[in-house]
Protein backbone atom coordinates (compact mmCIF):
# COMPACT_ATOMS: atom_id res chain seq x y z
CA MET A 1 -39.72 50.87 -36.18
CA ASP A 2 -36.65 51.73 -38.17
CA VAL A 3 -35.81 48.86 -40.51
CA GLN A 4 -32.39 50.25 -41.29
CA LYS A 5 -31.38 50.38 -37.61
CA THR A 6 -32.82 46.94 -36.99
CA MET A 7 -30.85 45.50 -39.91
CA GLU A 8 -27.70 47.23 -38.69
CA PHE A 9 -28.30 45.85 -35.19
CA ILE A 10 -28.83 42.34 -36.55
CA LEU A 11 -25.72 42.62 -38.73
CA GLU A 12 -23.67 43.89 -35.78
CA GLN A 13 -24.91 41.05 -33.62
CA GLN A 14 -24.17 38.54 -36.36
CA ALA A 15 -20.69 40.03 -36.89
CA ALA A 16 -20.04 39.85 -33.14
CA ALA A 17 -21.26 36.24 -33.13
CA VAL A 18 -18.95 35.43 -36.03
CA VAL A 19 -16.02 37.00 -34.15
CA ARG A 20 -16.89 35.05 -30.98
CA GLN A 21 -17.20 31.85 -32.99
CA ALA A 22 -13.82 32.49 -34.64
CA GLN A 23 -12.30 33.11 -31.18
CA LEU A 24 -13.87 29.91 -29.89
CA GLU A 25 -12.57 27.97 -32.88
CA THR A 26 -9.09 29.42 -32.26
CA ARG A 27 -9.28 28.44 -28.58
CA MET A 28 -10.53 24.98 -29.50
CA ALA A 29 -7.62 24.54 -31.93
CA GLU A 30 -5.20 25.65 -29.20
CA TYR A 31 -6.76 23.25 -26.69
CA GLU A 32 -6.64 20.46 -29.25
CA ALA A 33 -2.94 21.15 -29.89
CA GLU A 34 -2.24 21.23 -26.14
CA ASN A 35 -4.22 18.03 -25.69
CA GLN A 36 -2.30 16.30 -28.48
CA ALA A 37 1.02 17.47 -27.01
CA TRP A 38 -0.02 16.23 -23.56
CA PHE A 39 -1.14 12.90 -25.03
CA LYS A 40 2.21 12.49 -26.82
CA ARG A 41 4.05 13.17 -23.55
CA PHE A 42 1.74 10.69 -21.81
CA GLU A 43 2.40 8.03 -24.47
CA SER A 44 6.13 8.70 -24.25
CA GLY A 45 6.01 8.38 -20.46
CA MET A 46 4.00 5.17 -20.67
CA SER A 47 6.45 3.78 -23.20
CA ALA A 48 9.35 4.60 -20.89
CA ILE A 49 7.53 2.95 -17.98
CA GLN A 50 6.85 -0.16 -20.05
CA GLN A 51 10.49 -0.37 -21.13
CA THR A 52 11.59 0.02 -17.52
CA GLN A 53 9.18 -2.70 -16.45
CA LEU A 54 10.50 -5.03 -19.16
CA ARG A 55 14.08 -4.40 -18.00
CA GLN A 56 13.03 -5.04 -14.41
CA LEU A 57 11.32 -8.29 -15.40
CA GLU A 58 14.44 -9.37 -17.26
CA MET A 59 16.53 -8.53 -14.19
CA ILE A 60 14.13 -10.45 -11.96
CA ASP A 61 14.29 -13.45 -14.30
CA GLY A 62 18.08 -13.26 -14.13
CA LEU A 63 17.99 -13.07 -10.34
CA VAL A 64 15.62 -16.03 -10.15
CA ASP A 65 17.93 -18.05 -12.41
CA GLU A 66 20.96 -17.06 -10.34
CA SER A 67 19.08 -17.95 -7.17
CA LYS A 68 18.34 -21.41 -8.59
CA ARG A 69 22.02 -21.87 -9.49
CA GLN A 70 23.06 -20.73 -6.01
CA ARG A 71 20.56 -23.15 -4.45
CA GLU A 72 21.96 -26.00 -6.55
CA ARG A 73 25.54 -25.10 -5.57
CA LEU A 74 24.49 -24.85 -1.94
CA ASN A 75 22.87 -28.28 -2.10
CA GLU A 76 25.99 -29.73 -3.75
CA THR A 77 28.21 -28.12 -1.11
CA GLN A 78 25.96 -29.39 1.68
CA GLU A 79 26.11 -32.88 0.21
CA LYS A 80 29.93 -32.73 0.05
CA LEU A 81 30.05 -31.36 3.58
CA ASP A 82 27.80 -34.18 4.82
CA HIS A 83 30.11 -36.76 3.19
CA PHE A 84 33.15 -35.00 4.64
CA ILE A 85 31.61 -35.03 8.14
CA VAL A 86 30.80 -38.74 7.87
CA ALA A 87 34.33 -39.51 6.64
CA THR A 88 35.89 -37.31 9.34
CA GLU A 89 33.83 -38.99 12.06
CA ARG A 90 34.84 -42.41 10.73
CA ARG A 91 38.53 -41.42 10.68
CA PHE A 92 38.22 -39.88 14.14
CA ASN A 93 36.70 -43.10 15.48
CA GLU A 94 39.44 -45.14 13.80
CA THR A 95 42.10 -42.84 15.25
CA GLN A 96 40.42 -43.01 18.66
CA GLU A 97 40.45 -46.82 18.51
CA LYS A 98 44.11 -46.84 17.51
CA LEU A 99 44.95 -44.33 20.24
CA ASP A 100 43.08 -46.43 22.81
CA ALA A 101 44.99 -49.51 21.65
CA LEU A 102 48.29 -47.61 21.85
CA ILE A 103 47.47 -46.37 25.35
CA SER A 104 46.68 -49.94 26.38
CA VAL A 105 49.99 -51.17 24.99
CA VAL A 106 51.91 -48.33 26.68
CA ASP A 107 50.05 -48.98 29.97
CA GLY A 108 50.97 -52.67 29.72
CA ILE A 109 54.60 -51.84 29.10
CA VAL A 110 54.72 -49.33 31.98
CA ARG A 111 53.16 -51.87 34.39
CA ARG A 112 55.68 -54.53 33.45
CA ILE A 113 58.54 -52.11 33.91
CA GLN A 114 57.39 -51.04 37.35
């Protein structure tokens, strides 16, 4: 057994292992950098989504408030319309009574003239 050749073989193997380890460390650093960049993009995207959701919630709150105001105005309008209908029916009935009385008077006059 040649000790010199064995030592050279071991040193070559160790040097190759050191090179492979350095390559692996370089790859790991690259992967870590890519991972950090991806994570930053992910965080940025999530932040944008959260901001969009907040704006949407604010818009929904505004729409709900506007819907409540519209409902109140609709109820007020319906109430006014109900009062108007009652008043119109009352005036119609009064007018109908007056018209009936006028027709009776005119009928009486026409019968006396004939």
